[in-house]
Amino acid sequence: MHTNQTNLTRGYLIALASTAVLSTTAIFIRHLTQAYHLPALVLAFWRDVFVVLTLLPVLGFLRPAAFRVRHQDMAYLIGYGIVLAVFNALWALSVALNGAAIATVLVCSSAAFTALLGWWLLREPLGWVKLLAVALSLGGCLLVSDALELSVWRTNMLSILVGITTGLLYAVYSLMGRSASQRGLNPWTTLFYTFTFAAVLLLFVNLLPGNMLPGAAARPVDLFWLGGALDGWGILFLLAAGPTVVGFGLYSVSLGLLPSSVANLIATLEPAFTVVSAYFLLGESLNETQITGSLMLLASVAFLRIYEGWSGGRIEAKRTRAIEPLPEGLGK
């Protein structure tokens, strides 16, 4: 039981580190889209490509065996990569249709989806404590994103459906990561192949004729939107090689230690980390509503961890009492 509690604590710390790192990606993306007007799906494509180019020499030098995957696992990783690519594409589309605030709230629905699907598909426990934590996280996302104004919800049902689908897909991504760990796949192997297949699919999406999706390349030449802007390419590479590789890599590691629902719940702290980072790094304002929402997000994770520690301690105490030797003379 002590080992289980230790792994649980490690999982929480790794998931928190992953969320903190991933929260900085919004700052990179915001700069690239505002300063260079880089289309969202073009950005997503090059982000995935640079992730692969970063992992290729690192794994090749440190862990060449990581490239060897069983045939049945390769088919699974292709599907996993497709889920990642479709999530990235729909996330960009949701931001375009709903705006950043509503898109963020809708993707936070992944916490509820993951809890329900994890209970149904992976037999993960689902009790009142986890449901309360999910409710707190959803409320926190609502406040952090400044989505209380009714005016920001004036959109059509298709836009809302796209946003909710991003939450569902992120839940599926989390469940597949947990399943990959249960298959015995190395998390960095999983990361390399999923981003490889996602990059291939996003290349295909960007090459579709007729500018079918918002944020995609209108012409093949638009894939090289940044042209000779070396600083822009450098920032894009830093986005991939830094927070994306480290953030997604740590998230994959945490899925080997935590139930997918718990790891995903911790990931909903990302909006809180983002607004705090933007406050300190970009000088953006942080209002009382966002502070309250951030505290709710933190409370959801802290409450769940405290309860799990208390529950695990009770189970360990009962087990210890059960194996204690009987006083001398009573066992004869």
C-alpha atoms as a PDB file:
ATOM      1  CA  MET A   1       0.000   0.000   0.000  1.00  0.00           C
ATOM      2  CA  HIS A   2       2.924   2.311   0.767  1.00  0.00           C
ATOM      3  CA  THR A   3       4.174   1.737  -2.776  1.00  0.00           C
ATOM      4  CA  ASN A   4       0.731   2.553  -4.187  1.00  0.00           C
ATOM      5  CA  GLN A   5       0.589   5.814  -2.218  1.00  0.00           C
ATOM      6  CA  THR A   6       4.104   6.704  -3.376  1.00  0.00           C
ATOM      7  CA  ASN A   7       3.172   6.080  -7.020  1.00  0.00           C
ATOM      8  CA  LEU A   8       0.000   8.105  -6.553  1.00  0.00           C
ATOM      9  CA  THR A   9       1.958  11.046  -5.166  1.00  0.00           C
ATOM     10  CA  ARG A  10       4.508  10.780  -7.992  1.00  0.00           C
ATOM     11  CA  GLY A  11       1.673  10.673 -10.510  1.00  0.00           C
ATOM     12  CA  TYR A  12       0.084  13.830  -9.083  1.00  0.00           C
ATOM     13  CA  LEU A  13       3.408  15.703  -9.102  1.00  0.00           C
ATOM     14  CA  ILE A  14       4.227  14.629 -12.666  1.00  0.00           C
ATOM     15  CA  ALA A  15       0.719  15.517 -13.892  1.00  0.00           C
ATOM     16  CA  LEU A  16       0.951  18.934 -12.188  1.00  0.00           C
ATOM     17  CA  ALA A  17       4.360  19.545 -13.783  1.00  0.00           C
ATOM     18  CA  SER A  18       2.935  18.512 -17.160  1.00  0.00           C
ATOM     19  CA  THR A  19       0.004  20.927 -16.794  1.00  0.00           C
ATOM     20  CA  ALA A  20       2.254  23.806 -15.719  1.00  0.00           C
ATOM     21  CA  VAL A  21       4.533  23.252 -18.726  1.00  0.00           C
ATOM     22  CA  LEU A  22       1.663  22.829 -21.208  1.00  0.00           C
ATOM     23  CA  SER A  23       0.036  26.033 -19.968  1.00  0.00           C
ATOM     24  CA  THR A  24       2.922  28.039 -21.455  1.00  0.00           C
ATOM     25  CA  THR A  25       2.061  26.817 -24.953  1.00  0.00           C
ATOM     26  CA  ALA A  26      -0.808  29.314 -25.120  1.00  0.00           C
ATOM     27  CA  ILE A  27       1.691  32.173 -24.782  1.00  0.00           C
ATOM     28  CA  PHE A  28       3.808  30.832 -27.667  1.00  0.00           C
ATOM     29  CA  ILE A  29       0.743  30.224 -29.838  1.00  0.00           C
ATOM     30  CA  ARG A  30      -0.710  33.639 -29.062  1.00  0.00           C
ATOM     31  CA  HIS A  31       2.545  35.309 -30.117  1.00  0.00           C
ATOM     32  CA  LEU A  32       2.798  33.308 -33.353  1.00  0.00           C
ATOM     33  CA  THR A  33      -0.811  33.963 -34.360  1.00  0.00           C
ATOM     34  CA  GLN A  34      -0.718  37.665 -33.458  1.00  0.00           C
ATOM     35  CA  ALA A  35       2.772  38.643 -34.594  1.00  0.00           C
ATOM     36  CA  TYR A  36       2.952  36.458 -37.721  1.00  0.00           C
ATOM     37  CA  HIS A  37      -0.786  35.721 -38.311  1.00  0.00           C
ATOM     38  CA  LEU A  38       0.179  32.054 -38.651  1.00  0.00           C
ATOM     39  CA  PRO A  39      -2.918  29.942 -39.526  1.00  0.00           C
ATOM     40  CA  ALA A  40      -3.865  27.621 -36.677  1.00  0.00           C
ATOM     41  CA  LEU A  41      -3.710  24.317 -38.575  1.00  0.00           C
ATOM     42  CA  VAL A  42      -0.426  25.259 -40.245  1.00  0.00           C
ATOM     43  CA  LEU A  43       0.943  25.996 -36.785  1.00  0.00           C
ATOM     44  CA  ALA A  44      -0.383  22.660 -35.489  1.00  0.00           C
ATOM     45  CA  PHE A  45       1.262  20.801 -38.386  1.00  0.00           C
ATOM     46  CA  TRP A  46       4.716  22.311 -37.853  1.00  0.00           C
ATOM     47  CA  ARG A  47       4.378  21.898 -34.091  1.00  0.00           C
ATOM     48  CA  ASP A  48       3.880  18.149 -34.575  1.00  0.00           C
ATOM     49  CA  VAL A  49       6.706  17.948 -37.124  1.00  0.00           C
ATOM     50  CA  PHE A  50       9.171  19.678 -34.799  1.00  0.00           C
ATOM     51  CA  VAL A  51       8.121  17.402 -31.931  1.00  0.00           C
ATOM     52  CA  VAL A  52       9.020  14.403 -34.090  1.00  0.00           C
ATOM     53  CA  LEU A  53      12.317  15.985 -35.215  1.00  0.00           C
ATOM     54  CA  THR A  54      13.190  16.656 -31.571  1.00  0.00           C
ATOM     55  CA  LEU A  55      12.392  13.153 -30.351  1.00  0.00           C
ATOM     56  CA  LEU A  56      14.053  11.380 -33.294  1.00  0.00           C
ATOM     57  CA  PRO A  57      17.716  12.125 -32.359  1.00  0.00           C
ATOM     58  CA  VAL A  58      17.068  12.071 -28.590  1.00  0.00           C
ATOM     59  CA  LEU A  59      15.458   8.622 -28.611  1.00  0.00           C
ATOM     60  CA  GLY A  60      17.890   7.418 -31.272  1.00  0.00           C
ATOM     61  CA  PHE A  61      20.825   8.277 -29.019  1.00  0.00           C
ATOM     62  CA  LEU A  62      19.422   7.472 -25.577  1.00  0.00           C
ATOM     63  CA  ARG A  63      16.891   4.697 -26.257  1.00  0.00           C
ATOM     64  CA  PRO A  64      17.046   3.270 -29.802  1.00  0.00           C
ATOM     65  CA  ALA A  65      14.924   0.307 -28.712  1.00  0.00           C
ATOM     66  CA  ALA A  66      12.026   2.761 -28.261  1.00  0.00           C
ATOM     67  CA  PHE A  67      11.419   2.713 -32.018  1.00  0.00           C
ATOM     68  CA  ARG A  68      10.634  -1.010 -32.027  1.00  0.00           C
ATOM     69  CA  VAL A  69       6.896  -1.604 -31.676  1.00  0.00           C
ATOM     70  CA  ARG A  70       4.801  -4.737 -32.113  1.00  0.00           C
ATOM     71  CA  HIS A  71       2.526  -4.837 -35.163  1.00  0.00           C
ATOM     72  CA  GLN A  72      -0.639  -4.896 -33.077  1.00  0.00           C
ATOM     73  CA  ASP A  73       0.599  -1.894 -31.091  1.00  0.00           C
ATOM     74  CA  MET A  74       1.465   0.015 -34.258  1.00  0.00           C
ATOM     75  CA  ALA A  75      -2.161  -0.151 -35.402  1.00  0.00           C
ATOM     76  CA  TYR A  76      -3.180   1.157 -31.986  1.00  0.00           C
ATOM     77  CA  LEU A  77      -0.676   4.033 -32.203  1.00  0.00           C
ATOM     78  CA  ILE A  78      -1.969   5.010 -35.649  1.00  0.00           C
ATOM     79  CA  GLY A  79      -5.451   5.348 -34.174  1.00  0.00           C
ATOM     80  CA  TYR A  80      -4.026   7.270 -31.224  1.00  0.00           C
ATOM     81  CA  GLY A  81      -2.259   9.661 -33.602  1.00  0.00           C
ATOM     82  CA  ILE A  82      -5.465  10.210 -35.565  1.00  0.00           C
ATOM     83  CA  VAL A  83      -7.293  11.111 -32.332  1.00  0.00           C
ATOM     84  CA  LEU A  84      -4.540  13.634 -31.493  1.00  0.00           C
ATOM     85  CA  ALA A  85      -4.660  15.194 -34.974  1.00  0.00           C
ATOM     86  CA  VAL A  86      -8.457  15.475 -35.038  1.00  0.00           C
ATOM     87  CA  PHE A  87      -8.423  16.968 -31.537  1.00  0.00           C
ATOM     88  CA  ASN A  88      -5.873  19.606 -32.596  1.00  0.00           C
ATOM     89  CA  ALA A  89      -7.870  20.428 -35.733  1.00  0.00           C
ATOM     90  CA  LEU A  90     -11.210  20.684 -33.913  1.00  0.00           C
ATOM     91  CA  TRP A  91      -9.636  22.701 -31.090  1.00  0.00           C
ATOM     92  CA  ALA A  92      -8.459  25.287 -33.620  1.00  0.00           C
ATOM     93  CA  LEU A  93     -11.904  25.234 -35.248  1.00  0.00           C
ATOM     94  CA  SER A  94     -13.638  25.636 -31.884  1.00  0.00           C
ATOM     95  CA  VAL A  95     -11.530  28.689 -31.039  1.00  0.00           C
ATOM     96  CA  ALA A  96     -12.392  30.165 -34.463  1.00  0.00           C
ATOM     97  CA  LEU A  97     -16.139  29.529 -34.040  1.00  0.00           C
ATOM     98  CA  ASN A  98     -16.667  30.071 -30.307  1.00  0.00           C
ATOM     99  CA  GLY A  99     -13.839  32.332 -29.221  1.00  0.00           C
ATOM    100  CA  ALA A 100     -11.099  31.386 -26.764  1.00  0.00           C
ATOM    101  CA  ALA A 101     -13.225  31.686 -23.604  1.00  0.00           C
ATOM    102  CA  ILE A 102     -16.065  29.381 -24.640  1.00  0.00           C
ATOM    103  CA  ALA A 103     -13.693  26.980 -26.419  1.00  0.00           C
ATOM    104  CA  THR A 104     -11.733  26.608 -23.159  1.00  0.00           C
ATOM    105  CA  VAL A 105     -14.856  25.934 -21.093  1.00  0.00           C
ATOM    106  CA  LEU A 106     -16.118  23.351 -23.591  1.00  0.00           C
ATOM    107  CA  VAL A 107     -12.801  21.469 -23.763  1.00  0.00           C
ATOM    108  CA  CYS A 108     -12.827  21.309 -19.946  1.00  0.00           C
ATOM    109  CA  SER A 109     -15.812  18.989 -20.352  1.00  0.00           C
ATOM    110  CA  SER A 110     -13.133  16.349 -20.977  1.00  0.00           C
ATOM    111  CA  ALA A 111     -12.867  15.896 -17.178  1.00  0.00           C
ATOM    112  CA  ALA A 112     -16.475  14.685 -17.004  1.00  0.00           C
ATOM    113  CA  PHE A 113     -16.165  12.594 -20.176  1.00  0.00           C
ATOM    114  CA  THR A 114     -12.961  10.949 -18.920  1.00  0.00           C
ATOM    115  CA  ALA A 115     -14.470  10.132 -15.516  1.00  0.00           C
ATOM    116  CA  LEU A 116     -17.528   8.499 -17.116  1.00  0.00           C
ATOM    117  CA  LEU A 117     -15.674   6.689 -19.919  1.00  0.00           C
ATOM    118  CA  GLY A 118     -12.904   5.571 -17.559  1.00  0.00           C
ATOM    119  CA  TRP A 119     -15.537   4.059 -15.254  1.00  0.00           C
ATOM    120  CA  TRP A 120     -17.287   2.388 -18.190  1.00  0.00           C
ATOM    121  CA  LEU A 121     -14.326   1.177 -20.280  1.00  0.00           C
ATOM    122  CA  LEU A 122     -11.389   0.863 -17.866  1.00  0.00           C
ATOM    123  CA  ARG A 123     -13.322   0.039 -14.667  1.00  0.00           C
ATOM    124  CA  GLU A 124     -11.860   3.095 -12.916  1.00  0.00           C
ATOM    125  CA  PRO A 125     -13.658   3.994  -9.663  1.00  0.00           C
ATOM    126  CA  LEU A 126     -16.292   6.725  -9.864  1.00  0.00           C
ATOM    127  CA  GLY A 127     -17.587   7.983  -6.527  1.00  0.00           C
ATOM    128  CA  TRP A 128     -19.102  11.164  -5.151  1.00  0.00           C
ATOM    129  CA  VAL A 129     -15.657  12.605  -4.388  1.00  0.00           C
ATOM    130  CA  LYS A 130     -14.493  12.379  -7.994  1.00  0.00           C
ATOM    131  CA  LEU A 131     -17.834  13.718  -9.260  1.00  0.00           C
ATOM    132  CA  LEU A 132     -17.559  16.686  -6.883  1.00  0.00           C
ATOM    133  CA  ALA A 133     -13.989  17.326  -8.051  1.00  0.00           C
ATOM    134  CA  VAL A 134     -15.148  17.278 -11.683  1.00  0.00           C
ATOM    135  CA  ALA A 135     -17.959  19.742 -10.881  1.00  0.00           C
ATOM    136  CA  LEU A 136     -15.477  22.078  -9.151  1.00  0.00           C
ATOM    137  CA  SER A 137     -13.119  21.904 -12.129  1.00  0.00           C
ATOM    138  CA  LEU A 138     -15.898  22.700 -14.610  1.00  0.00           C
ATOM    139  CA  GLY A 139     -16.991  25.675 -12.508  1.00  0.00           C
ATOM    140  CA  GLY A 140     -13.400  26.830 -12.199  1.00  0.00           C
ATOM    141  CA  CYS A 141     -12.888  26.654 -15.969  1.00  0.00           C
ATOM    142  CA  LEU A 142     -16.046  28.720 -16.430  1.00  0.00           C
ATOM    143  CA  LEU A 143     -14.729  31.468 -14.129  1.00  0.00           C
ATOM    144  CA  VAL A 144     -11.110  31.441 -15.297  1.00  0.00           C
ATOM    145  CA  SER A 145     -12.205  31.774 -18.928  1.00  0.00           C
ATOM    146  CA  ASP A 146     -14.474  34.762 -18.149  1.00  0.00           C
ATOM    147  CA  ALA A 147     -17.362  32.891 -19.741  1.00  0.00           C
ATOM    148  CA  LEU A 148     -20.096  34.090 -17.393  1.00  0.00           C
ATOM    149  CA  GLU A 149     -21.237  36.808 -19.780  1.00  0.00           C
ATOM    150  CA  LEU A 150     -24.244  35.585 -21.753  1.00  0.00           C
ATOM    151  CA  SER A 151     -23.061  37.547 -24.773  1.00  0.00           C
ATOM    152  CA  VAL A 152     -20.095  35.237 -25.336  1.00  0.00           C
ATOM    153  CA  TRP A 153     -22.482  32.265 -25.621  1.00  0.00           C
ATOM    154  CA  ARG A 154     -24.393  33.781 -28.547  1.00  0.00           C
ATOM    155  CA  THR A 155     -23.386  31.146 -31.052  1.00  0.00           C
ATOM    156  CA  ASN A 156     -25.102  28.383 -33.001  1.00  0.00           C
ATOM    157  CA  MET A 157     -25.556  24.794 -31.924  1.00  0.00           C
ATOM    158  CA  LEU A 158     -22.978  23.512 -34.436  1.00  0.00           C
ATOM    159  CA  SER A 159     -20.277  25.647 -32.820  1.00  0.00           C
ATOM    160  CA  ILE A 160     -21.186  24.358 -29.353  1.00  0.00           C
ATOM    161  CA  LEU A 161     -21.179  20.781 -30.680  1.00  0.00           C
ATOM    162  CA  VAL A 162     -17.675  21.267 -32.114  1.00  0.00           C
ATOM    163  CA  GLY A 163     -16.477  22.574 -28.743  1.00  0.00           C
ATOM    164  CA  ILE A 164     -17.995  19.692 -26.780  1.00  0.00           C
ATOM    165  CA  THR A 165     -16.439  17.257 -29.257  1.00  0.00           C
ATOM    166  CA  THR A 166     -13.000  18.650 -28.406  1.00  0.00           C
ATOM    167  CA  GLY A 167     -13.677  17.735 -24.774  1.00  0.00           C
ATOM    168  CA  LEU A 168     -14.763  14.241 -25.793  1.00  0.00           C
ATOM    169  CA  LEU A 169     -11.676  13.761 -27.969  1.00  0.00           C
ATOM    170  CA  TYR A 170      -9.313  14.906 -25.226  1.00  0.00           C
ATOM    171  CA  ALA A 171     -11.006  12.390 -22.944  1.00  0.00           C
ATOM    172  CA  VAL A 172     -10.442   9.677 -25.563  1.00  0.00           C
ATOM    173  CA  TYR A 173      -6.810  10.812 -25.879  1.00  0.00           C
ATOM    174  CA  SER A 174      -6.383  10.402 -22.107  1.00  0.00           C
ATOM    175  CA  LEU A 175      -8.055   6.984 -22.060  1.00  0.00           C
ATOM    176  CA  MET A 176      -5.901   5.773 -24.960  1.00  0.00           C
ATOM    177  CA  GLY A 177      -2.789   7.006 -23.140  1.00  0.00           C
ATOM    178  CA  ARG A 178      -3.796   5.027 -20.063  1.00  0.00           C
ATOM    179  CA  SER A 179      -4.490   1.982 -22.223  1.00  0.00           C
ATOM    180  CA  ALA A 180      -1.107   2.383 -23.968  1.00  0.00           C
ATOM    181  CA  SER A 181       0.570   2.283 -20.561  1.00  0.00           C
ATOM    182  CA  GLN A 182      -1.362  -0.865 -19.656  1.00  0.00           C
ATOM    183  CA  ARG A 183      -0.126  -2.407 -22.926  1.00  0.00           C
ATOM    184  CA  GLY A 184       3.415  -1.877 -21.687  1.00  0.00           C
ATOM    185  CA  LEU A 185       4.283   0.835 -24.224  1.00  0.00           C
ATOM    186  CA  ASN A 186       6.987   3.289 -23.207  1.00  0.00           C
ATOM    187  CA  PRO A 187       5.378   6.769 -22.856  1.00  0.00           C
ATOM    188  CA  TRP A 188       8.088   8.385 -25.016  1.00  0.00           C
ATOM    189  CA  THR A 189       7.589   5.738 -27.711  1.00  0.00           C
ATOM    190  CA  THR A 190       3.881   6.514 -27.610  1.00  0.00           C
ATOM    191  CA  LEU A 191       4.603  10.237 -27.865  1.00  0.00           C
ATOM    192  CA  PHE A 192       6.896   9.818 -30.877  1.00  0.00           C
ATOM    193  CA  TYR A 193       4.527   7.691 -32.930  1.00  0.00           C
ATOM    194  CA  THR A 194       1.322   9.561 -32.081  1.00  0.00           C
ATOM    195  CA  PHE A 195       2.851  12.897 -33.102  1.00  0.00           C
ATOM    196  CA  THR A 196       4.297  11.306 -36.247  1.00  0.00           C
ATOM    197  CA  PHE A 197       0.915  10.041 -37.393  1.00  0.00           C
ATOM    198  CA  ALA A 198      -0.781  13.283 -36.305  1.00  0.00           C
ATOM    199  CA  ALA A 199       1.684  15.294 -38.416  1.00  0.00           C
ATOM    200  CA  VAL A 200       0.930  13.134 -41.470  1.00  0.00           C
ATOM    201  CA  LEU A 201      -2.817  13.619 -41.060  1.00  0.00           C
ATOM    202  CA  LEU A 202      -2.482  17.385 -40.492  1.00  0.00           C
ATOM    203  CA  LEU A 203      -0.359  17.633 -43.645  1.00  0.00           C
ATOM    204  CA  PHE A 204      -3.201  15.993 -45.557  1.00  0.00           C
ATOM    205  CA  VAL A 205      -5.737  18.382 -43.971  1.00  0.00           C
ATOM    206  CA  ASN A 206      -3.667  21.428 -44.919  1.00  0.00           C
ATOM    207  CA  LEU A 207      -3.357  20.215 -48.504  1.00  0.00           C
ATOM    208  CA  LEU A 208      -7.118  19.772 -48.991  1.00  0.00           C
ATOM    209  CA  PRO A 209      -8.291  21.974 -51.875  1.00  0.00           C
ATOM    210  CA  GLY A 210     -10.711  24.859 -51.496  1.00  0.00           C
ATOM    211  CA  ASN A 211      -9.637  26.086 -48.045  1.00  0.00           C
ATOM    212  CA  MET A 212     -12.198  23.720 -46.481  1.00  0.00           C
ATOM    213  CA  LEU A 213     -11.280  24.301 -42.823  1.00  0.00           C
ATOM    214  CA  PRO A 214     -10.674  27.582 -40.986  1.00  0.00           C
ATOM    215  CA  GLY A 215      -7.013  27.985 -40.152  1.00  0.00           C
ATOM    216  CA  ALA A 216      -5.765  25.573 -42.816  1.00  0.00           C
ATOM    217  CA  ALA A 217      -3.369  26.454 -45.631  1.00  0.00           C
ATOM    218  CA  ALA A 218      -5.306  28.020 -48.514  1.00  0.00           C
ATOM    219  CA  ARG A 219      -2.542  26.946 -50.925  1.00  0.00           C
ATOM    220  CA  PRO A 220       0.321  24.439 -50.547  1.00  0.00           C
ATOM    221  CA  VAL A 221       2.798  27.325 -50.459  1.00  0.00           C
ATOM    222  CA  ASP A 222       1.059  28.605 -47.301  1.00  0.00           C
ATOM    223  CA  LEU A 223       2.555  25.682 -45.411  1.00  0.00           C
ATOM    224  CA  PHE A 224       5.702  27.842 -45.418  1.00  0.00           C
ATOM    225  CA  TRP A 225       3.820  30.861 -44.126  1.00  0.00           C
ATOM    226  CA  LEU A 226       6.734  32.069 -42.011  1.00  0.00           C
ATOM    227  CA  GLY A 227       9.027  32.200 -45.046  1.00  0.00           C
ATOM    228  CA  GLY A 228      12.344  33.780 -44.100  1.00  0.00           C
ATOM    229  CA  ALA A 229      11.230  34.868 -40.619  1.00  0.00           C
ATOM    230  CA  LEU A 230      13.931  32.940 -38.753  1.00  0.00           C
ATOM    231  CA  ASP A 231      12.796  34.272 -35.382  1.00  0.00           C
ATOM    232  CA  GLY A 232       9.292  32.960 -36.067  1.00  0.00           C
ATOM    233  CA  TRP A 233      10.632  29.523 -37.006  1.00  0.00           C
ATOM    234  CA  GLY A 234      12.771  29.602 -33.863  1.00  0.00           C
ATOM    235  CA  ILE A 235       9.780  30.339 -31.635  1.00  0.00           C
ATOM    236  CA  LEU A 236       7.783  27.588 -33.350  1.00  0.00           C
ATOM    237  CA  PHE A 237      10.635  25.135 -32.780  1.00  0.00           C
ATOM    238  CA  LEU A 238      10.923  26.172 -29.125  1.00  0.00           C
ATOM    239  CA  LEU A 239       7.163  25.637 -28.720  1.00  0.00           C
ATOM    240  CA  ALA A 240       7.538  22.064 -29.986  1.00  0.00           C
ATOM    241  CA  ALA A 241      10.894  21.073 -28.498  1.00  0.00           C
ATOM    242  CA  GLY A 242      10.166  22.638 -25.108  1.00  0.00           C
ATOM    243  CA  PRO A 243       6.657  22.754 -23.627  1.00  0.00           C
ATOM    244  CA  THR A 244       5.041  20.367 -26.129  1.00  0.00           C
ATOM    245  CA  VAL A 245       7.578  17.538 -25.825  1.00  0.00           C
ATOM    246  CA  VAL A 246       8.029  17.951 -22.075  1.00  0.00           C
ATOM    247  CA  GLY A 247       4.343  18.645 -21.336  1.00  0.00           C
ATOM    248  CA  PHE A 248       2.833  15.820 -23.405  1.00  0.00           C
ATOM    249  CA  GLY A 249       5.680  13.494 -22.409  1.00  0.00           C
ATOM    250  CA  LEU A 250       5.086  14.031 -18.698  1.00  0.00           C
ATOM    251  CA  TYR A 251       1.339  13.659 -19.228  1.00  0.00           C
ATOM    252  CA  SER A 252       1.953  10.264 -20.860  1.00  0.00           C
ATOM    253  CA  VAL A 253       4.167   9.272 -17.914  1.00  0.00           C
ATOM    254  CA  SER A 254       1.476  10.348 -15.421  1.00  0.00           C
ATOM    255  CA  LEU A 255      -1.079   8.140 -17.196  1.00  0.00           C
ATOM    256  CA  GLY A 256       1.068   5.167 -16.213  1.00  0.00           C
ATOM    257  CA  LEU A 257       0.716   6.111 -12.536  1.00  0.00           C
ATOM    258  CA  LEU A 258      -2.789   7.580 -12.278  1.00  0.00           C
ATOM    259  CA  PRO A 259      -6.278   6.685 -13.478  1.00  0.00           C
ATOM    260  CA  SER A 260      -6.990   8.592 -16.691  1.00  0.00           C
ATOM    261  CA  SER A 261      -9.831  10.492 -14.989  1.00  0.00           C
ATOM    262  CA  VAL A 262      -7.498  11.833 -12.297  1.00  0.00           C
ATOM    263  CA  ALA A 263      -4.753  12.789 -14.773  1.00  0.00           C
ATOM    264  CA  ASN A 264      -7.306  14.577 -16.945  1.00  0.00           C
ATOM    265  CA  LEU A 265      -8.800  16.373 -13.955  1.00  0.00           C
ATOM    266  CA  ILE A 266      -5.339  17.721 -13.084  1.00  0.00           C
ATOM    267  CA  ALA A 267      -4.930  18.793 -16.722  1.00  0.00           C
ATOM    268  CA  THR A 268      -7.951  21.100 -16.326  1.00  0.00           C
ATOM    269  CA  LEU A 269      -5.695  23.284 -14.176  1.00  0.00           C
ATOM    270  CA  GLU A 270      -4.080  24.457 -17.423  1.00  0.00           C
ATOM    271  CA  PRO A 271      -6.324  27.559 -17.851  1.00  0.00           C
ATOM    272  CA  ALA A 272      -5.421  28.675 -14.316  1.00  0.00           C
ATOM    273  CA  PHE A 273      -1.701  28.221 -14.968  1.00  0.00           C
ATOM    274  CA  THR A 274      -2.097  30.078 -18.278  1.00  0.00           C
ATOM    275  CA  VAL A 275      -3.755  33.181 -16.826  1.00  0.00           C
ATOM    276  CA  VAL A 276      -1.173  33.327 -14.028  1.00  0.00           C
ATOM    277  CA  SER A 277       1.677  32.978 -16.546  1.00  0.00           C
ATOM    278  CA  ALA A 278       0.131  35.659 -18.740  1.00  0.00           C
ATOM    279  CA  TYR A 279      -0.167  37.923 -15.695  1.00  0.00           C
ATOM    280  CA  PHE A 280       3.522  37.640 -14.808  1.00  0.00           C
ATOM    281  CA  LEU A 281       5.040  37.299 -18.303  1.00  0.00           C
ATOM    282  CA  LEU A 282       2.744  39.438 -20.447  1.00  0.00           C
ATOM    283  CA  GLY A 283       1.390  41.876 -17.880  1.00  0.00           C
ATOM    284  CA  GLU A 284      -2.213  40.837 -18.542  1.00  0.00           C
ATOM    285  CA  SER A 285      -4.801  41.647 -15.874  1.00  0.00           C
ATOM    286  CA  LEU A 286      -6.080  39.005 -13.469  1.00  0.00           C
ATOM    287  CA  ASN A 287      -9.551  39.818 -12.136  1.00  0.00           C
ATOM    288  CA  GLU A 288     -11.319  38.512  -9.039  1.00  0.00           C
ATOM    289  CA  THR A 289     -13.451  36.101 -11.045  1.00  0.00           C
ATOM    290  CA  GLN A 290     -10.376  34.473 -12.577  1.00  0.00           C
ATOM    291  CA  ILE A 291      -8.696  34.248  -9.173  1.00  0.00           C
ATOM    292  CA  THR A 292     -11.799  32.544  -7.754  1.00  0.00           C
ATOM    293  CA  GLY A 293     -11.902  30.127 -10.693  1.00  0.00           C
ATOM    294  CA  SER A 294      -8.211  29.312 -10.275  1.00  0.00           C
ATOM    295  CA  LEU A 295      -8.778  28.550  -6.593  1.00  0.00           C
ATOM    296  CA  MET A 296     -11.711  26.283  -7.486  1.00  0.00           C
ATOM    297  CA  LEU A 297      -9.516  24.368  -9.951  1.00  0.00           C
ATOM    298  CA  LEU A 298      -6.798  23.968  -7.329  1.00  0.00           C
ATOM    299  CA  ALA A 299      -9.377  22.929  -4.734  1.00  0.00           C
ATOM    300  CA  SER A 300     -10.764  20.196  -7.013  1.00  0.00           C
ATOM    301  CA  VAL A 301      -7.336  18.544  -7.322  1.00  0.00           C
ATOM    302  CA  ALA A 302      -6.326  19.091  -3.681  1.00  0.00           C
ATOM    303  CA  PHE A 303      -9.662  17.736  -2.397  1.00  0.00           C
ATOM    304  CA  LEU A 304      -9.361  14.577  -4.508  1.00  0.00           C
ATOM    305  CA  ARG A 305      -5.738  13.968  -3.459  1.00  0.00           C
ATOM    306  CA  ILE A 306      -6.473  14.506   0.255  1.00  0.00           C
ATOM    307  CA  TYR A 307      -9.424  12.132   0.088  1.00  0.00           C
ATOM    308  CA  GLU A 308      -7.371   9.476  -1.718  1.00  0.00           C
ATOM    309  CA  GLY A 309      -4.606   9.799   0.880  1.00  0.00           C
ATOM    310  CA  TRP A 310      -7.116   9.480   3.718  1.00  0.00           C
ATOM    311  CA  SER A 311      -8.893   6.556   2.060  1.00  0.00           C
ATOM    312  CA  GLY A 312      -5.596   4.805   1.309  1.00  0.00           C
ATOM    313  CA  GLY A 313      -4.472   5.318   4.909  1.00  0.00           C
ATOM    314  CA  ARG A 314      -7.668   3.723   6.260  1.00  0.00           C
ATOM    315  CA  ILE A 315      -7.258   0.711   3.960  1.00  0.00           C
ATOM    316  CA  GLU A 316      -3.623   0.323   4.999  1.00  0.00           C
ATOM    317  CA  ALA A 317      -4.557   0.556   8.702  1.00  0.00           C
ATOM    318  CA  LYS A 318      -7.234  -2.136   8.323  1.00  0.00           C
ATOM    319  CA  ARG A 319      -4.795  -4.391   6.474  1.00  0.00           C
ATOM    320  CA  THR A 320      -2.154  -3.877   9.163  1.00  0.00           C
ATOM    321  CA  ARG A 321      -4.624  -4.773  11.922  1.00  0.00           C
ATOM    322  CA  ALA A 322      -5.689  -7.864  10.007  1.00  0.00           C
ATOM    323  CA  ILE A 323      -2.160  -9.293   9.895  1.00  0.00           C
ATOM    324  CA  GLU A 324      -1.082  -8.354  13.426  1.00  0.00           C
ATOM    325  CA  PRO A 325      -0.140 -11.465  15.482  1.00  0.00           C
ATOM    326  CA  LEU A 326      -2.538 -12.489  18.227  1.00  0.00           C
ATOM    327  CA  PRO A 327      -1.419 -11.997  21.845  1.00  0.00           C
ATOM    328  CA  GLU A 328       0.432 -14.988  23.278  1.00  0.00           C
ATOM    329  CA  GLY A 329      -1.938 -17.678  24.461  1.00  0.00           C
ATOM    330  CA  LEU A 330      -4.931 -16.586  22.350  1.00  0.00           C
ATOM    331  CA  GLY A 331      -3.852 -18.380  19.249  1.00  0.00           C
ATOM    332  CA  LYS A 332      -3.608 -21.813  20.926  1.00  0.00           C
END
